[in-house]
């Protein structure tokens, strides 16, 4: 994923639509990737655990 692309806003909107998430979520993912690469996603967990639903 190219986080520094000139049209990243447009690309983020397409990704958000395809994944059915907010554009802001995609922007956060892109920022995390640009700052930490794959390790930025390895331990970051949010939301309600499946067992608690």
PDB file of N, CA and C in Angstrom:
ATOM      1  N   UNK A   1       0.855  -1.167   0.000  1.00  0.00           N
ATOM      2  CA  UNK A   1       0.000   0.000   0.000  1.00  0.00           C
ATOM      3  C   UNK A   1       0.893   1.219   0.000  1.00  0.00           C
ATOM      4  N   UNK A   2       0.583   2.154  -0.843  1.00  0.00           N
ATOM      5  CA  UNK A   2       1.344   3.381  -0.958  1.00  0.00           C
ATOM      6  C   UNK A   2       0.636   4.469  -0.169  1.00  0.00           C
ATOM      7  N   UNK A   3       1.152   4.789   1.006  1.00  0.00           N
ATOM      8  CA  UNK A   3       0.492   5.743   1.891  1.00  0.00           C
ATOM      9  C   UNK A   3       0.736   7.178   1.502  1.00  0.00           C
ATOM     10  N   UNK A   4       1.721   7.463   0.679  1.00  0.00           N
ATOM     11  CA  UNK A   4       2.038   8.841   0.360  1.00  0.00           C
ATOM     12  C   UNK A   4       1.612   9.231  -1.051  1.00  0.00           C
ATOM     13  N   UNK A   5       0.694   8.510  -1.623  1.00  0.00           N
ATOM     14  CA  UNK A   5       0.217   8.795  -2.965  1.00  0.00           C
ATOM     15  C   UNK A   5      -0.465  10.153  -3.024  1.00  0.00           C
ATOM     16  N   UNK A   6      -0.339  10.826  -4.148  1.00  0.00           N
ATOM     17  CA  UNK A   6      -0.922  12.144  -4.308  1.00  0.00           C
ATOM     18  C   UNK A   6      -2.435  12.145  -4.222  1.00  0.00           C
ATOM     19  N   UNK A   7      -3.078  11.066  -4.614  1.00  0.00           N
ATOM     20  CA  UNK A   7      -4.538  11.000  -4.576  1.00  0.00           C
ATOM     21  C   UNK A   7      -5.013  10.092  -3.449  1.00  0.00           C
ATOM     22  N   UNK A   8      -4.309  10.115  -2.331  1.00  0.00           N
ATOM     23  CA  UNK A   8      -4.644   9.187  -1.247  1.00  0.00           C
ATOM     24  C   UNK A   8      -6.047   9.421  -0.698  1.00  0.00           C
ATOM     25  N   UNK A   9      -6.555  10.660  -0.788  1.00  0.00           N
ATOM     26  CA  UNK A   9      -7.921  10.914  -0.335  1.00  0.00           C
ATOM     27  C   UNK A   9      -8.934  10.150  -1.161  1.00  0.00           C
ATOM     28  N   UNK A  10      -8.762  10.196  -2.477  1.00  0.00           N
ATOM     29  CA  UNK A  10      -9.656   9.460  -3.371  1.00  0.00           C
ATOM     30  C   UNK A  10      -9.499   7.961  -3.167  1.00  0.00           C
ATOM     31  N   UNK A  11      -8.259   7.510  -3.031  1.00  0.00           N
ATOM     32  CA  UNK A  11      -8.012   6.088  -2.818  1.00  0.00           C
ATOM     33  C   UNK A  11      -8.592   5.633  -1.485  1.00  0.00           C
ATOM     34  N   UNK A  12      -8.468   6.464  -0.460  1.00  0.00           N
ATOM     35  CA  UNK A  12      -9.030   6.114   0.851  1.00  0.00           C
ATOM     36  C   UNK A  12     -10.542   5.963   0.766  1.00  0.00           C
ATOM     37  N   UNK A  13     -11.184   6.808   0.002  1.00  0.00           N
ATOM     38  CA  UNK A  13     -12.640   6.722  -0.153  1.00  0.00           C
ATOM     39  C   UNK A  13     -13.039   5.419  -0.840  1.00  0.00           C
ATOM     40  N   UNK A  14     -12.278   5.013  -1.844  1.00  0.00           N
ATOM     41  CA  UNK A  14     -12.568   3.762  -2.562  1.00  0.00           C
ATOM     42  C   UNK A  14     -12.364   2.576  -1.627  1.00  0.00           C
ATOM     43  N   UNK A  15     -11.256   2.580  -0.891  1.00  0.00           N
ATOM     44  CA  UNK A  15     -10.972   1.497   0.052  1.00  0.00           C
ATOM     45  C   UNK A  15     -12.072   1.428   1.109  1.00  0.00           C
ATOM     46  N   UNK A  16     -12.454   2.578   1.649  1.00  0.00           N
ATOM     47  CA  UNK A  16     -13.496   2.621   2.677  1.00  0.00           C
ATOM     48  C   UNK A  16     -14.804   2.053   2.144  1.00  0.00           C
ATOM     49  N   UNK A  17     -15.155   2.429   0.940  1.00  0.00           N
ATOM     50  CA  UNK A  17     -16.396   1.919   0.346  1.00  0.00           C
ATOM     51  C   UNK A  17     -16.316   0.406   0.166  1.00  0.00           C
ATOM     52  N   UNK A  18     -15.196  -0.067  -0.371  1.00  0.00           N
ATOM     53  CA  UNK A  18     -15.045  -1.499  -0.626  1.00  0.00           C
ATOM     54  C   UNK A  18     -15.076  -2.323   0.663  1.00  0.00           C
ATOM     55  N   UNK A  19     -14.503  -1.784   1.734  1.00  0.00           N
ATOM     56  CA  UNK A  19     -14.450  -2.511   3.012  1.00  0.00           C
ATOM     57  C   UNK A  19     -15.615  -2.184   3.942  1.00  0.00           C
ATOM     58  N   UNK A  20     -16.449  -1.253   3.504  1.00  0.00           N
ATOM     59  CA  UNK A  20     -17.605  -0.814   4.285  1.00  0.00           C
ATOM     60  C   UNK A  20     -17.206  -0.294   5.671  1.00  0.00           C
ATOM     61  N   UNK A  21     -16.196   0.579   5.649  1.00  0.00           N
ATOM     62  CA  UNK A  21     -15.734   1.260   6.861  1.00  0.00           C
ATOM     63  C   UNK A  21     -15.697   2.750   6.555  1.00  0.00           C
ATOM     64  N   UNK A  22     -15.433   3.547   7.581  1.00  0.00           N
ATOM     65  CA  UNK A  22     -15.363   4.989   7.362  1.00  0.00           C
ATOM     66  C   UNK A  22     -14.046   5.373   6.688  1.00  0.00           C
ATOM     67  N   UNK A  23     -14.085   6.494   5.982  1.00  0.00           N
ATOM     68  CA  UNK A  23     -12.869   7.023   5.372  1.00  0.00           C
ATOM     69  C   UNK A  23     -11.864   7.334   6.475  1.00  0.00           C
ATOM     70  N   UNK A  24     -12.340   7.817   7.606  1.00  0.00           N
ATOM     71  CA  UNK A  24     -11.445   8.134   8.724  1.00  0.00           C
ATOM     72  C   UNK A  24     -10.687   6.887   9.200  1.00  0.00           C
ATOM     73  N   UNK A  25     -11.355   5.742   9.240  1.00  0.00           N
ATOM     74  CA  UNK A  25     -10.670   4.493   9.626  1.00  0.00           C
ATOM     75  C   UNK A  25      -9.535   4.194   8.659  1.00  0.00           C
ATOM     76  N   UNK A  26      -9.800   4.323   7.375  1.00  0.00           N
ATOM     77  CA  UNK A  26      -8.762   4.067   6.377  1.00  0.00           C
ATOM     78  C   UNK A  26      -7.614   5.050   6.553  1.00  0.00           C
ATOM     79  N   UNK A  27      -7.942   6.309   6.815  1.00  0.00           N
ATOM     80  CA  UNK A  27      -6.894   7.308   7.038  1.00  0.00           C
ATOM     81  C   UNK A  27      -6.037   6.942   8.242  1.00  0.00           C
ATOM     82  N   UNK A  28      -6.662   6.442   9.301  1.00  0.00           N
ATOM     83  CA  UNK A  28      -5.902   6.014  10.489  1.00  0.00           C
ATOM     84  C   UNK A  28      -4.993   4.833  10.154  1.00  0.00           C
ATOM     85  N   UNK A  29      -5.520   3.870   9.382  1.00  0.00           N
ATOM     86  CA  UNK A  29      -4.719   2.713   8.995  1.00  0.00           C
ATOM     87  C   UNK A  29      -3.520   3.145   8.168  1.00  0.00           C
ATOM     88  N   UNK A  30      -3.744   4.067   7.235  1.00  0.00           N
ATOM     89  CA  UNK A  30      -2.652   4.547   6.388  1.00  0.00           C
ATOM     90  C   UNK A  30      -1.583   5.256   7.215  1.00  0.00           C
ATOM     91  N   UNK A  31      -2.018   6.054   8.171  1.00  0.00           N
ATOM     92  CA  UNK A  31      -1.067   6.767   9.026  1.00  0.00           C
ATOM     93  C   UNK A  31      -0.265   5.774   9.866  1.00  0.00           C
ATOM     94  N   UNK A  32      -0.952   4.793  10.441  1.00  0.00           N
ATOM     95  CA  UNK A  32      -0.265   3.776  11.245  1.00  0.00           C
ATOM     96  C   UNK A  32       0.757   3.038  10.390  1.00  0.00           C
ATOM     97  N   UNK A  33       0.374   2.671   9.166  1.00  0.00           N
ATOM     98  CA  UNK A  33       1.284   1.964   8.266  1.00  0.00           C
ATOM     99  C   UNK A  33       2.500   2.823   7.945  1.00  0.00           C
ATOM    100  N   UNK A  34       2.284   4.103   7.670  1.00  0.00           N
ATOM    101  CA  UNK A  34       3.415   4.959   7.303  1.00  0.00           C
ATOM    102  C   UNK A  34       4.362   5.178   8.471  1.00  0.00           C
ATOM    103  N   UNK A  35       3.853   5.101   9.687  1.00  0.00           N
ATOM    104  CA  UNK A  35       4.691   5.319  10.869  1.00  0.00           C
ATOM    105  C   UNK A  35       5.317   4.042  11.412  1.00  0.00           C
ATOM    106  N   UNK A  36       4.678   2.898  11.199  1.00  0.00           N
ATOM    107  CA  UNK A  36       5.200   1.678  11.817  1.00  0.00           C
ATOM    108  C   UNK A  36       5.207   0.443  10.959  1.00  0.00           C
ATOM    109  N   UNK A  37       4.748   0.548   9.721  1.00  0.00           N
ATOM    110  CA  UNK A  37       4.716  -0.626   8.845  1.00  0.00           C
ATOM    111  C   UNK A  37       3.818  -1.708   9.419  1.00  0.00           C
ATOM    112  N   UNK A  38       4.058  -2.954   9.079  1.00  0.00           N
ATOM    113  CA  UNK A  38       3.185  -4.046   9.516  1.00  0.00           C
ATOM    114  C   UNK A  38       3.112  -4.192  11.034  1.00  0.00           C
ATOM    115  N   UNK A  39       4.176  -3.820  11.721  1.00  0.00           N
ATOM    116  CA  UNK A  39       4.165  -3.935  13.185  1.00  0.00           C
ATOM    117  C   UNK A  39       3.111  -3.031  13.822  1.00  0.00           C
ATOM    118  N   UNK A  40       2.720  -1.977  13.131  1.00  0.00           N
ATOM    119  CA  UNK A  40       1.711  -1.058  13.663  1.00  0.00           C
ATOM    120  C   UNK A  40       0.366  -1.760  13.863  1.00  0.00           C
ATOM    121  N   UNK A  41       0.162  -2.862  13.179  1.00  0.00           N
ATOM    122  CA  UNK A  41      -1.119  -3.568  13.245  1.00  0.00           C
ATOM    123  C   UNK A  41      -1.062  -4.856  14.058  1.00  0.00           C
ATOM    124  N   UNK A  42       0.104  -5.278  14.479  1.00  0.00           N
ATOM    125  CA  UNK A  42       0.245  -6.592  15.087  1.00  0.00           C
ATOM    126  C   UNK A  42      -0.435  -6.728  16.447  1.00  0.00           C
ATOM    127  N   UNK A  43      -0.423  -5.736  17.274  1.00  0.00           N
ATOM    128  CA  UNK A  43      -0.977  -5.856  18.609  1.00  0.00           C
ATOM    129  C   UNK A  43      -2.153  -4.914  18.891  1.00  0.00           C
ATOM    130  N   UNK A  44      -2.503  -4.123  17.937  1.00  0.00           N
ATOM    131  CA  UNK A  44      -3.549  -3.135  18.134  1.00  0.00           C
ATOM    132  C   UNK A  44      -4.928  -3.773  17.968  1.00  0.00           C
ATOM    133  N   UNK A  45      -5.652  -3.876  19.068  1.00  0.00           N
ATOM    134  CA  UNK A  45      -6.986  -4.463  19.024  1.00  0.00           C
ATOM    135  C   UNK A  45      -7.963  -3.497  19.647  1.00  0.00           C
ATOM    136  N   UNK A  46      -9.055  -3.275  18.975  1.00  0.00           N
ATOM    137  CA  UNK A  46     -10.096  -2.409  19.499  1.00  0.00           C
ATOM    138  C   UNK A  46     -11.443  -3.087  19.316  1.00  0.00           C
ATOM    139  N   UNK A  47     -12.422  -2.575  19.992  1.00  0.00           N
ATOM    140  CA  UNK A  47     -13.756  -3.119  19.839  1.00  0.00           C
ATOM    141  C   UNK A  47     -14.105  -4.130  20.909  1.00  0.00           C
ATOM    142  N   UNK A  48     -15.252  -4.709  20.763  1.00  0.00           N
ATOM    143  CA  UNK A  48     -15.763  -5.671  21.737  1.00  0.00           C
ATOM    144  C   UNK A  48     -15.337  -7.074  21.316  1.00  0.00           C
ATOM    145  N   UNK A  49     -14.760  -7.838  22.216  1.00  0.00           N
ATOM    146  CA  UNK A  49     -14.392  -9.217  21.874  1.00  0.00           C
ATOM    147  C   UNK A  49     -15.626 -10.026  21.449  1.00  0.00           C
ATOM    148  N   UNK A  50     -15.453 -10.935  20.538  1.00  0.00           N
ATOM    149  CA  UNK A  50     -16.570 -11.732  20.013  1.00  0.00           C
ATOM    150  C   UNK A  50     -17.307 -12.472  21.126  1.00  0.00           C
ATOM    151  N   UNK A  51     -16.613 -12.943  22.142  1.00  0.00           N
ATOM    152  CA  UNK A  51     -17.234 -13.690  23.218  1.00  0.00           C
ATOM    153  C   UNK A  51     -18.165 -12.824  24.049  1.00  0.00           C
ATOM    154  N   UNK A  52     -17.960 -11.534  24.049  1.00  0.00           N
ATOM    155  CA  UNK A  52     -18.760 -10.626  24.871  1.00  0.00           C
ATOM    156  C   UNK A  52     -20.028 -10.170  24.167  1.00  0.00           C
ATOM    157  N   UNK A  53     -20.189 -10.512  22.894  1.00  0.00           N
ATOM    158  CA  UNK A  53     -21.350 -10.023  22.142  1.00  0.00           C
ATOM    159  C   UNK A  53     -22.592 -10.799  22.446  1.00  0.00           C
TER     160      UNK A  53
END
